[in-house]
């Protein structure tokens, strides 16, 4: 396994009630405790600086048990639905771009390990899971989350530290699938009785509460550095106006569970996909809700993805370009958590708009002093008072400002960018990161 370096990690277990427990790490003196009446015990041990020298821990309640091959390094949780779950080997008829190169080089990545928590539903929170850690090599890389793999590979390159991934995800799950009973009772109208849940949601992966109880709760005692989250597709069209509030509550729930109030939470914009109608805007609403969370919840960052699909992927909810997603997450972590403060990691975003006659001036922020040149800047739309949107011609005027015009809109009122279920854009900042979708429509921006 990988233990989070240079911190007081939690170690825990079960024994006979009242048993005297000794825990002896290879790098420090023994710690002792006594099992409670229910047989549970836990304590904290200070871990050493990260490195590749194998460590060990001996546990004893009278009969010693030693775990070997432990590394101190950086531990991240990979959570969400199928785009996080998608393994390096891909899903059926859903390949991962760059698979051959990634697997061929997997054995050269020092200290990368992962553990897959079995995706199970439970009516009550679980304290344990039947799983094992794997060392990443050409034979084991296939089953690792592709996003997690590329995140860990890039982070290890930059920090020269072992990286451990805890994969706690389930395809198709909604944000409500991971909320606990207290949050569901207090802030939603979701059922919390397992029979009522099954009756309302015959489709298992849409069920609230149960996946969090069975698949995520066992992870909470482990000491981690942060959470990577890729979810939201299953909330498209299902009361999207509640998504920001519920994701905010989930972040607080997990931070409380790990005992780290400001635990880093880096999440991924939902994939461009037709969702039954490529020109619809249901998915755009979720993307705006995701941005709202990134703007209002401390120590969160949203990773843009609208440039990571091709024209043929409108009907593919699992885009093949997972390397860029993982690497963008890694660059974010490097800049914010590992001392690489000069690294460009933010996607450009809407700043403000001016209407000048028949033109709109759109000023962007987080451009890092530049917009990447493109043959044409696609993705912008304009509307007049009738709120009917038409494609806009975009000219880059420098300084992060675009001038937009449309022959179909004489008196513009509002502008939007990639505000469709599937509308890839071509605007990127100097770091090569995509402009986040936006709308200037005031009625939409005032929604809860």
Protein backbone atom coordinates (compact mmCIF):
# COMPACT_ATOMS: atom_id res chain seq x y z
CA UNK A 1 0.00 0.00 0.00
CA UNK A 2 0.89 3.68 0.02
CA UNK A 3 0.52 5.66 3.25
CA UNK A 4 0.22 9.43 3.18
CA UNK A 5 3.66 10.81 3.94
CA UNK A 6 4.66 13.08 6.83
CA UNK A 7 1.35 13.09 8.62
CA UNK A 8 -0.47 11.32 11.45
CA UNK A 9 -2.21 8.52 9.58
CA UNK A 10 -5.03 6.51 11.08
CA UNK A 11 -4.50 2.77 11.55
CA UNK A 12 -7.43 0.68 12.72
CA UNK A 13 -8.78 -2.81 13.07
CA UNK A 14 -10.74 -5.33 15.08
CA UNK A 15 -9.73 -7.72 17.86
CA UNK A 16 -11.25 -9.43 20.89
CA UNK A 17 -12.87 -6.92 23.26
CA UNK A 18 -10.30 -5.58 25.69
CA UNK A 19 -7.33 -7.00 23.76
CA UNK A 20 -4.07 -5.07 24.11
CA UNK A 21 -2.93 -3.93 20.69
CA UNK A 22 0.65 -3.10 19.70
CA UNK A 23 1.52 -1.38 16.43
CA UNK A 24 5.23 -1.23 15.54
CA UNK A 25 6.20 0.64 12.34
CA UNK A 26 9.65 -0.09 10.92
CA UNK A 27 10.47 3.63 11.05
CA UNK A 28 9.48 4.46 14.65
CA UNK A 29 8.69 3.11 18.07
CA UNK A 30 5.67 0.99 18.96
CA UNK A 31 2.26 2.50 19.71
CA UNK A 32 -0.25 0.75 21.94
CA UNK A 33 -3.99 0.83 22.55
CA UNK A 34 -6.79 -1.39 23.83
CA UNK A 35 -9.70 -2.74 21.81
CA UNK A 36 -13.09 -1.46 22.90
CA UNK A 37 -16.08 -3.47 24.03
CA UNK A 38 -17.05 -3.95 20.40
CA UNK A 39 -13.52 -5.09 19.53
CA UNK A 40 -12.69 -1.99 17.55
CA UNK A 41 -9.42 -0.15 17.97
CA UNK A 42 -7.65 2.72 16.21
CA UNK A 43 -4.62 4.94 16.70
CA UNK A 44 -2.46 7.38 14.79
CA UNK A 45 1.12 6.93 13.63
CA UNK A 46 3.40 9.62 12.24
CA UNK A 47 4.65 8.62 8.78
CA UNK A 48 8.11 9.41 7.38
CA UNK A 49 9.05 11.48 4.35
CA UNK A 50 7.95 9.89 1.10
CA UNK A 51 10.34 7.59 -0.73
CA UNK A 52 10.81 4.26 -2.46
CA UNK A 53 12.39 2.29 0.39
CA UNK A 54 9.88 -0.41 1.43
CA UNK A 55 8.52 -0.07 4.95
CA UNK A 56 6.66 -2.47 7.20
CA UNK A 57 4.25 -2.42 10.14
CA UNK A 58 3.80 -5.19 12.71
CA UNK A 59 0.41 -5.44 14.42
CA UNK A 60 -0.05 -7.66 17.43
CA UNK A 61 -2.81 -8.63 19.85
CA UNK A 62 -0.55 -11.36 21.19
CA UNK A 63 -0.07 -12.89 17.74
CA UNK A 64 2.02 -10.67 15.45
CA UNK A 65 1.05 -9.89 11.86
CA UNK A 66 3.45 -7.92 9.65
CA UNK A 67 2.57 -6.00 6.50
CA UNK A 68 5.52 -5.59 4.14
CA UNK A 69 6.16 -3.52 1.02
CA UNK A 70 4.55 -0.32 2.29
CA UNK A 71 5.60 3.02 0.77
CA UNK A 72 5.19 6.54 2.12
CA UNK A 73 3.94 8.91 -0.56
CA UNK A 74 0.86 10.76 -1.80
CA UNK A 75 -2.63 9.21 -1.60
CA UNK A 76 -5.57 10.43 -3.68
CA UNK A 77 -9.14 9.15 -3.92
CA UNK A 78 -10.68 8.73 -7.39
CA UNK A 79 -14.47 8.98 -7.08
CA UNK A 80 -17.49 9.49 -9.32
CA UNK A 81 -19.22 7.60 -12.10
CA UNK A 82 -18.16 5.77 -15.26
CA UNK A 83 -15.76 8.32 -16.75
CA UNK A 84 -13.70 8.00 -13.56
CA UNK A 85 -14.28 4.25 -13.36
CA UNK A 86 -13.27 3.71 -17.02
CA UNK A 87 -10.13 1.55 -16.83
CA UNK A 88 -7.02 1.99 -18.89
CA UNK A 89 -8.11 -0.95 -21.04
CA UNK A 90 -11.35 0.91 -21.79
CA UNK A 91 -14.94 -0.28 -21.78
CA UNK A 92 -16.58 -2.44 -24.45
CA UNK A 93 -16.19 -0.50 -27.73
CA UNK A 94 -14.90 2.49 -25.73
CA UNK A 95 -11.09 2.56 -26.04
CA UNK A 96 -8.68 4.83 -24.20
CA UNK A 97 -6.43 6.85 -26.49
CA UNK A 98 -2.76 6.08 -25.92
CA UNK A 99 -3.39 2.69 -24.31
CA UNK A 100 -0.40 0.91 -25.93
CA UNK A 101 2.13 3.53 -24.90
CA UNK A 102 0.71 3.79 -21.39
CA UNK A 103 0.82 0.05 -20.71
CA UNK A 104 4.26 -0.35 -22.26
CA UNK A 105 5.68 2.25 -19.88
CA UNK A 106 3.68 1.30 -16.79
CA UNK A 107 6.50 -0.75 -15.27
CA UNK A 108 8.83 2.27 -15.34
CA UNK A 109 6.60 4.35 -13.06
CA UNK A 110 8.15 4.15 -9.62
CA UNK A 111 5.87 3.58 -6.69
CA UNK A 112 2.44 3.84 -8.34
CA UNK A 113 -0.15 1.65 -6.63
CA UNK A 114 -3.92 1.45 -6.60
CA UNK A 115 -6.71 -0.29 -4.75
CA UNK A 116 -10.15 -0.79 -6.28
CA UNK A 117 -12.98 -0.67 -3.73
CA UNK A 118 -15.70 -3.09 -4.91
CA UNK A 119 -18.79 -1.20 -6.09
CA UNK A 120 -21.56 -2.52 -3.85
CA UNK A 121 -24.81 -1.19 -2.42
CA UNK A 122 -25.51 -1.41 1.30
CA UNK A 123 -28.41 -0.20 3.43
CA UNK A 124 -26.06 0.82 6.26
CA UNK A 125 -22.55 2.35 6.15
CA UNK A 126 -19.83 -0.29 5.78
CA UNK A 127 -16.55 -0.22 7.69
CA UNK A 128 -14.58 -2.68 5.55
CA UNK A 129 -14.19 -3.79 1.93
CA UNK A 130 -12.82 -6.91 0.27
CA UNK A 131 -9.97 -5.45 -1.77
CA UNK A 132 -6.22 -5.44 -2.26
CA UNK A 133 -3.54 -3.00 -3.37
CA UNK A 134 -1.84 -3.51 -6.73
CA UNK A 135 1.57 -2.30 -7.86
CA UNK A 136 1.20 -0.76 -11.31
CA UNK A 137 3.01 -2.59 -14.10
CA UNK A 138 2.16 -3.84 -17.59
CA UNK A 139 0.10 -6.70 -16.14
CA UNK A 140 -1.92 -4.67 -13.62
CA UNK A 141 -2.36 -1.30 -15.36
CA UNK A 142 -5.35 -2.50 -17.42
CA UNK A 143 -7.72 -2.36 -14.45
CA UNK A 144 -6.62 1.00 -13.04
CA UNK A 145 -8.84 4.02 -13.65
CA UNK A 146 -7.47 5.66 -16.79
CA UNK A 147 -7.93 9.17 -15.35
CA UNK A 148 -6.28 8.02 -12.12
CA UNK A 149 -3.41 6.36 -13.98
CA UNK A 150 -2.54 9.47 -16.00
CA UNK A 151 -2.95 11.68 -12.93
CA UNK A 152 -0.56 9.53 -10.89
CA UNK A 153 1.97 9.17 -13.71
CA UNK A 154 2.23 12.93 -14.18
CA UNK A 155 2.26 13.67 -10.43
CA UNK A 156 5.03 11.11 -9.85
CA UNK A 157 7.06 12.66 -12.68
CA UNK A 158 6.79 16.10 -11.09
CA UNK A 159 7.26 15.20 -7.42
CA UNK A 160 9.37 12.04 -7.58
CA UNK A 161 7.14 10.53 -4.89
CA UNK A 162 5.14 7.29 -4.75
CA UNK A 163 1.46 7.82 -5.55
CA UNK A 164 -1.37 5.67 -4.23
CA UNK A 165 -4.86 5.74 -5.74
CA UNK A 166 -8.02 4.61 -3.96
CA UNK A 167 -10.66 3.91 -6.62
CA UNK A 168 -14.13 4.32 -5.09
CA UNK A 169 -16.52 4.86 -8.00
CA UNK A 170 -19.54 3.42 -9.77
CA UNK A 171 -20.77 4.01 -13.32
CA UNK A 172 -24.13 5.72 -13.72
CA UNK A 173 -24.38 7.07 -10.18
CA UNK A 174 -25.94 10.44 -9.39
CA UNK A 175 -24.53 12.85 -6.82
CA UNK A 176 -27.34 11.65 -4.52
CA UNK A 177 -25.89 8.14 -4.73
CA UNK A 178 -23.02 9.28 -2.52
CA UNK A 179 -24.86 11.50 -0.03
CA UNK A 180 -25.38 10.01 3.44
CA UNK A 181 -28.70 9.50 5.18
CA UNK A 182 -28.50 12.73 7.18
CA UNK A 183 -27.94 14.89 4.10
CA UNK A 184 -30.64 13.11 2.13
CA UNK A 185 -33.20 13.48 4.91
CA UNK A 186 -32.43 17.13 5.62
CA UNK A 187 -31.89 18.54 2.14
CA UNK A 188 -33.65 16.31 -0.41
CA UNK A 189 -36.89 14.43 -0.96
CA UNK A 190 -35.01 11.21 -1.76
CA UNK A 191 -36.10 8.01 0.02
CA UNK A 192 -33.65 6.49 2.51
CA UNK A 193 -35.40 3.18 3.19
CA UNK A 194 -33.88 0.54 0.92
CA UNK A 195 -37.27 -0.84 -0.18
CA UNK A 196 -38.53 2.65 -1.01
CA UNK A 197 -35.29 3.41 -2.86
CA UNK A 198 -35.64 0.28 -4.99
CA UNK A 199 -39.29 1.08 -5.72
CA UNK A 200 -38.51 4.62 -6.91
CA UNK A 201 -35.34 3.65 -8.79
CA UNK A 202 -35.60 0.25 -10.52
CA UNK A 203 -32.30 1.10 -12.24
CA UNK A 204 -29.71 0.22 -9.59
CA UNK A 205 -27.01 2.72 -10.43
CA UNK A 206 -29.38 5.67 -9.98
CA UNK A 207 -30.18 4.79 -6.37
CA UNK A 208 -29.30 7.28 -3.62
CA UNK A 209 -27.46 6.50 -0.38
CA UNK A 210 -26.68 2.83 -1.04
CA UNK A 211 -23.54 3.27 -3.14
CA UNK A 212 -22.01 5.70 -0.68
CA UNK A 213 -22.72 3.32 2.19
CA UNK A 214 -21.14 0.34 0.46
CA UNK A 215 -18.46 1.76 -1.80
CA UNK A 216 -17.18 4.99 -0.24
CA UNK A 217 -17.76 4.73 3.50
CA UNK A 218 -15.07 2.01 3.98
CA UNK A 219 -12.46 4.49 2.68
CA UNK A 220 -13.13 7.26 5.21
CA UNK A 221 -10.74 6.12 7.96
CA UNK A 222 -7.81 6.14 5.52
CA UNK A 223 -5.61 9.23 5.54
CA UNK A 224 -5.51 10.87 2.09
CA UNK A 225 -4.17 14.00 0.42
CA UNK A 226 -7.20 14.84 -1.71
CA UNK A 227 -10.16 13.77 -3.83
CA UNK A 228 -10.51 13.63 -7.62
CA UNK A 229 -14.16 13.56 -8.75
CA UNK A 230 -15.66 12.94 -12.20
CA UNK A 231 -19.46 12.78 -12.06
CA UNK A 232 -22.60 14.59 -13.16
CA UNK A 233 -23.76 12.97 -16.41
CA UNK A 234 -26.47 11.02 -14.60
CA UNK A 235 -27.85 14.23 -13.09
CA UNK A 236 -28.50 15.75 -16.51
CA UNK A 237 -32.21 16.45 -16.83
CA UNK A 238 -32.96 15.39 -13.23
CA UNK A 239 -33.63 18.59 -11.25
CA UNK A 240 -30.32 20.11 -12.37
CA UNK A 241 -30.98 23.31 -10.40
CA UNK A 242 -30.25 21.32 -7.21
CA UNK A 243 -26.91 19.91 -8.36
CA UNK A 244 -24.61 22.65 -7.01
CA UNK A 245 -26.19 22.52 -3.58
CA UNK A 246 -25.99 18.74 -3.38
CA UNK A 247 -22.40 18.55 -4.62
CA UNK A 248 -21.47 21.23 -2.09
CA UNK A 249 -23.01 19.11 0.67
CA UNK A 250 -21.19 16.02 -0.58
CA UNK A 251 -17.83 17.82 -0.46
CA UNK A 252 -18.53 18.90 3.13
CA UNK A 253 -19.65 15.37 4.02
CA UNK A 254 -16.48 13.77 2.71
CA UNK A 255 -14.22 16.40 4.25
CA UNK A 256 -15.88 15.76 7.60
CA UNK A 257 -15.56 12.01 7.15
CA UNK A 258 -11.83 12.25 6.43
CA UNK A 259 -11.41 14.77 9.24
CA UNK A 260 -9.79 17.38 6.96
CA UNK A 261 -11.94 20.55 6.63
CA UNK A 262 -10.03 21.93 3.64
CA UNK A 263 -9.29 18.64 1.85
CA UNK A 264 -8.50 19.42 -1.82
CA UNK A 265 -11.37 18.53 -4.16
CA UNK A 266 -10.59 18.70 -7.87
CA UNK A 267 -13.41 17.73 -10.21
CA UNK A 268 -14.04 17.31 -13.91
CA UNK A 269 -16.56 18.98 -16.19
CA UNK A 270 -19.09 16.47 -17.54
CA UNK A 271 -18.33 15.10 -20.97
CA UNK A 272 -19.72 16.72 -24.11
CA UNK A 273 -22.40 14.26 -25.27
CA UNK A 274 -25.71 14.47 -27.10
CA UNK A 275 -27.83 13.33 -24.13
CA UNK A 276 -30.52 12.55 -26.69
CA UNK A 277 -30.29 15.96 -28.40
CA UNK A 278 -26.91 17.46 -29.21
CA UNK A 279 -28.41 20.96 -29.50
CA UNK A 280 -30.21 20.75 -26.17
CA UNK A 281 -28.97 22.62 -23.10
CA UNK A 282 -29.72 20.19 -20.26
CA UNK A 283 -26.04 19.27 -19.87
CA UNK A 284 -25.02 22.93 -20.08
CA UNK A 285 -27.07 23.59 -16.96
CA UNK A 286 -25.08 20.97 -15.04
CA UNK A 287 -21.82 22.49 -16.28
CA UNK A 288 -22.88 25.88 -14.94
CA UNK A 289 -23.82 24.25 -11.65
CA UNK A 290 -20.34 22.71 -11.52
CA UNK A 291 -18.79 26.13 -12.08
CA UNK A 292 -20.92 27.54 -9.28
CA UNK A 293 -19.42 24.99 -6.88
CA UNK A 294 -15.88 25.83 -8.02
CA UNK A 295 -16.58 29.53 -7.48
CA UNK A 296 -18.14 29.20 -4.02
CA UNK A 297 -16.51 26.22 -2.27
CA UNK A 298 -12.98 26.73 -0.98
CA UNK A 299 -10.12 24.58 -2.26
CA UNK A 300 -12.01 23.22 -5.26
CA UNK A 301 -11.06 23.47 -8.93
CA UNK A 302 -13.04 22.48 -12.02
CA UNK A 303 -11.17 20.89 -14.95
CA UNK A 304 -12.52 21.76 -18.42
CA UNK A 305 -13.10 19.03 -21.03
CA UNK A 306 -15.00 20.55 -23.97
CA UNK A 307 -11.91 20.37 -26.19
CA UNK A 308 -11.33 16.66 -25.56
CA UNK A 309 -13.90 15.18 -27.93
CA UNK A 310 -14.07 14.71 -31.68
CA UNK A 311 -17.07 15.12 -34.00
CA UNK A 312 -17.64 11.35 -33.93
CA UNK A 313 -18.04 11.27 -30.15
CA UNK A 314 -21.41 13.02 -29.89
CA UNK A 315 -22.95 9.63 -29.09
CA UNK A 316 -20.04 8.42 -26.95
CA UNK A 317 -20.49 9.30 -23.29
CA UNK A 318 -17.02 7.89 -22.54
CA UNK A 319 -14.59 10.04 -24.57
CA UNK A 320 -11.29 8.34 -25.31
CA UNK A 321 -8.96 11.20 -24.28
CA UNK A 322 -8.48 10.40 -20.64
CA UNK A 323 -4.77 11.26 -20.55
CA UNK A 324 -5.42 14.99 -20.78
CA UNK A 325 -8.05 14.83 -18.04
CA UNK A 326 -5.71 13.05 -15.65
CA UNK A 327 -2.80 15.32 -16.49
CA UNK A 328 -4.87 18.48 -16.00
CA UNK A 329 -5.86 17.20 -12.57
CA UNK A 330 -2.20 16.48 -11.81
CA UNK A 331 -1.07 19.94 -12.89
CA UNK A 332 -3.74 21.43 -10.64
CA UNK A 333 -2.51 19.40 -7.68
CA UNK A 334 1.12 20.24 -8.50
CA UNK A 335 0.39 23.97 -8.55
CA UNK A 336 -1.79 24.04 -5.44
CA UNK A 337 -0.40 21.30 -3.21
CA UNK A 338 3.20 20.55 -4.17
CA UNK A 339 4.95 23.89 -4.47
CA UNK A 340 4.73 24.42 -8.23
CA UNK A 341 3.05 27.77 -7.81
CA UNK A 342 4.07 29.13 -11.21
CA UNK A 343 2.38 26.32 -13.14
CA UNK A 344 -0.57 27.43 -15.30
CA UNK A 345 -3.50 25.19 -14.39
CA UNK A 346 -6.73 27.20 -14.57
CA UNK A 347 -9.07 27.09 -17.54
CA UNK A 348 -10.02 30.48 -18.95
CA UNK A 349 -13.48 31.65 -17.93
CA UNK A 350 -15.97 34.39 -18.71
CA UNK A 351 -15.19 37.72 -17.09
CA UNK A 352 -17.58 40.36 -18.39
CA UNK A 353 -19.41 41.49 -21.53
CA UNK A 354 -19.99 44.84 -23.25
CA UNK A 355 -22.54 45.53 -25.99
CA UNK A 356 -21.28 47.95 -28.65
CA UNK A 357 -23.90 48.47 -31.34
CA UNK A 358 -24.29 45.20 -33.21
CA UNK A 359 -21.21 43.68 -31.55
CA UNK A 360 -20.45 42.13 -28.19
CA UNK A 361 -17.08 42.37 -26.48
CA UNK A 362 -16.40 39.35 -24.29
CA UNK A 363 -13.58 39.73 -21.78
CA UNK A 364 -12.07 36.53 -20.40
CA UNK A 365 -10.11 35.87 -17.22
CA UNK A 366 -7.43 33.29 -16.41
CA UNK A 367 -5.95 33.53 -19.90
CA UNK A 368 -2.38 33.66 -18.55
CA UNK A 369 -1.81 36.62 -20.87
CA UNK A 370 -2.67 34.87 -24.08
CA UNK A 371 -5.18 33.01 -26.26
CA UNK A 372 -3.91 30.16 -28.43
CA UNK A 373 -4.15 30.87 -32.15
CA UNK A 374 -6.85 28.95 -34.04
CA UNK A 375 -8.03 28.88 -37.65
CA UNK A 376 -11.39 30.02 -36.31
CA UNK A 377 -12.84 30.44 -32.85
CA UNK A 378 -15.88 28.19 -32.66
CA UNK A 379 -18.51 27.77 -29.98
CA UNK A 380 -19.86 31.31 -29.48
CA UNK A 381 -23.54 32.16 -29.92
CA UNK A 382 -25.46 35.45 -29.69
CA UNK A 383 -29.11 36.34 -29.11
CA UNK A 384 -31.27 39.41 -29.15
CA UNK A 385 -34.25 40.16 -26.94
CA UNK A 386 -36.06 37.13 -28.39
CA UNK A 387 -33.47 34.80 -26.73
CA UNK A 388 -33.04 32.88 -29.99
CA UNK A 389 -29.35 32.04 -30.30
CA UNK A 390 -27.38 32.10 -33.53
CA UNK A 391 -23.75 31.16 -34.23
CA UNK A 392 -21.43 34.13 -33.74
CA UNK A 393 -18.32 35.11 -35.62
CA UNK A 394 -15.50 35.62 -33.16
CA UNK A 395 -12.44 37.81 -33.71
CA UNK A 396 -9.72 37.87 -31.10
CA UNK A 397 -8.78 41.46 -30.30
CA UNK A 398 -5.99 40.70 -27.83
CA UNK A 399 -5.87 41.11 -24.08
CA UNK A 400 -8.29 38.25 -23.51
CA UNK A 401 -11.08 40.03 -25.44
CA UNK A 402 -13.20 38.66 -28.28
CA UNK A 403 -15.41 40.72 -30.60
CA UNK A 404 -18.56 38.82 -31.55
CA UNK A 405 -20.97 39.56 -34.38
CA UNK A 406 -23.79 37.72 -36.12
CA UNK A 407 -25.72 38.80 -39.22
CA UNK A 408 -28.83 37.27 -37.62
CA UNK A 409 -28.56 39.44 -34.47
CA UNK A 410 -28.68 43.21 -35.02
CA UNK A 411 -29.24 44.24 -31.39
CA UNK A 412 -27.48 41.65 -29.21
CA UNK A 413 -28.54 41.12 -25.62
CA UNK A 414 -26.76 37.96 -24.50
CA UNK A 415 -23.87 35.70 -25.43
CA UNK A 416 -23.00 32.13 -24.63
CA UNK A 417 -20.19 29.69 -25.36
CA UNK A 418 -20.47 25.90 -25.83
CA UNK A 419 -23.81 26.13 -24.09
CA UNK A 420 -25.20 22.99 -25.69
CA UNK A 421 -25.18 19.34 -24.76
CA UNK A 422 -22.55 18.74 -27.46
CA UNK A 423 -20.74 21.77 -28.84
CA UNK A 424 -16.94 21.50 -28.73
CA UNK A 425 -15.16 24.84 -28.74
CA UNK A 426 -11.76 26.00 -29.96
CA UNK A 427 -10.85 28.78 -27.52
CA UNK A 428 -7.87 27.99 -25.30
CA UNK A 429 -5.59 30.05 -23.11
CA UNK A 430 -1.81 30.26 -23.22
CA UNK A 431 -1.59 27.03 -21.22
CA UNK A 432 -3.63 25.19 -23.87
CA UNK A 433 -6.62 24.85 -21.52
CA UNK A 434 -10.18 25.25 -22.85
CA UNK A 435 -12.55 28.10 -22.17
CA UNK A 436 -15.25 26.93 -19.75
CA UNK A 437 -18.80 27.08 -21.18
CA UNK A 438 -20.83 30.09 -20.09
CA UNK A 439 -23.94 32.15 -20.66
CA UNK A 440 -24.60 35.81 -19.91
CA UNK A 441 -28.35 35.30 -19.76
CA UNK A 442 -29.38 37.02 -16.52
CA UNK A 443 -32.49 34.93 -15.96
CA UNK A 444 -30.36 31.80 -15.96
CA UNK A 445 -27.67 33.28 -13.73
CA UNK A 446 -30.24 34.18 -11.08
CA UNK A 447 -31.49 30.62 -10.78
CA UNK A 448 -30.74 28.82 -7.49
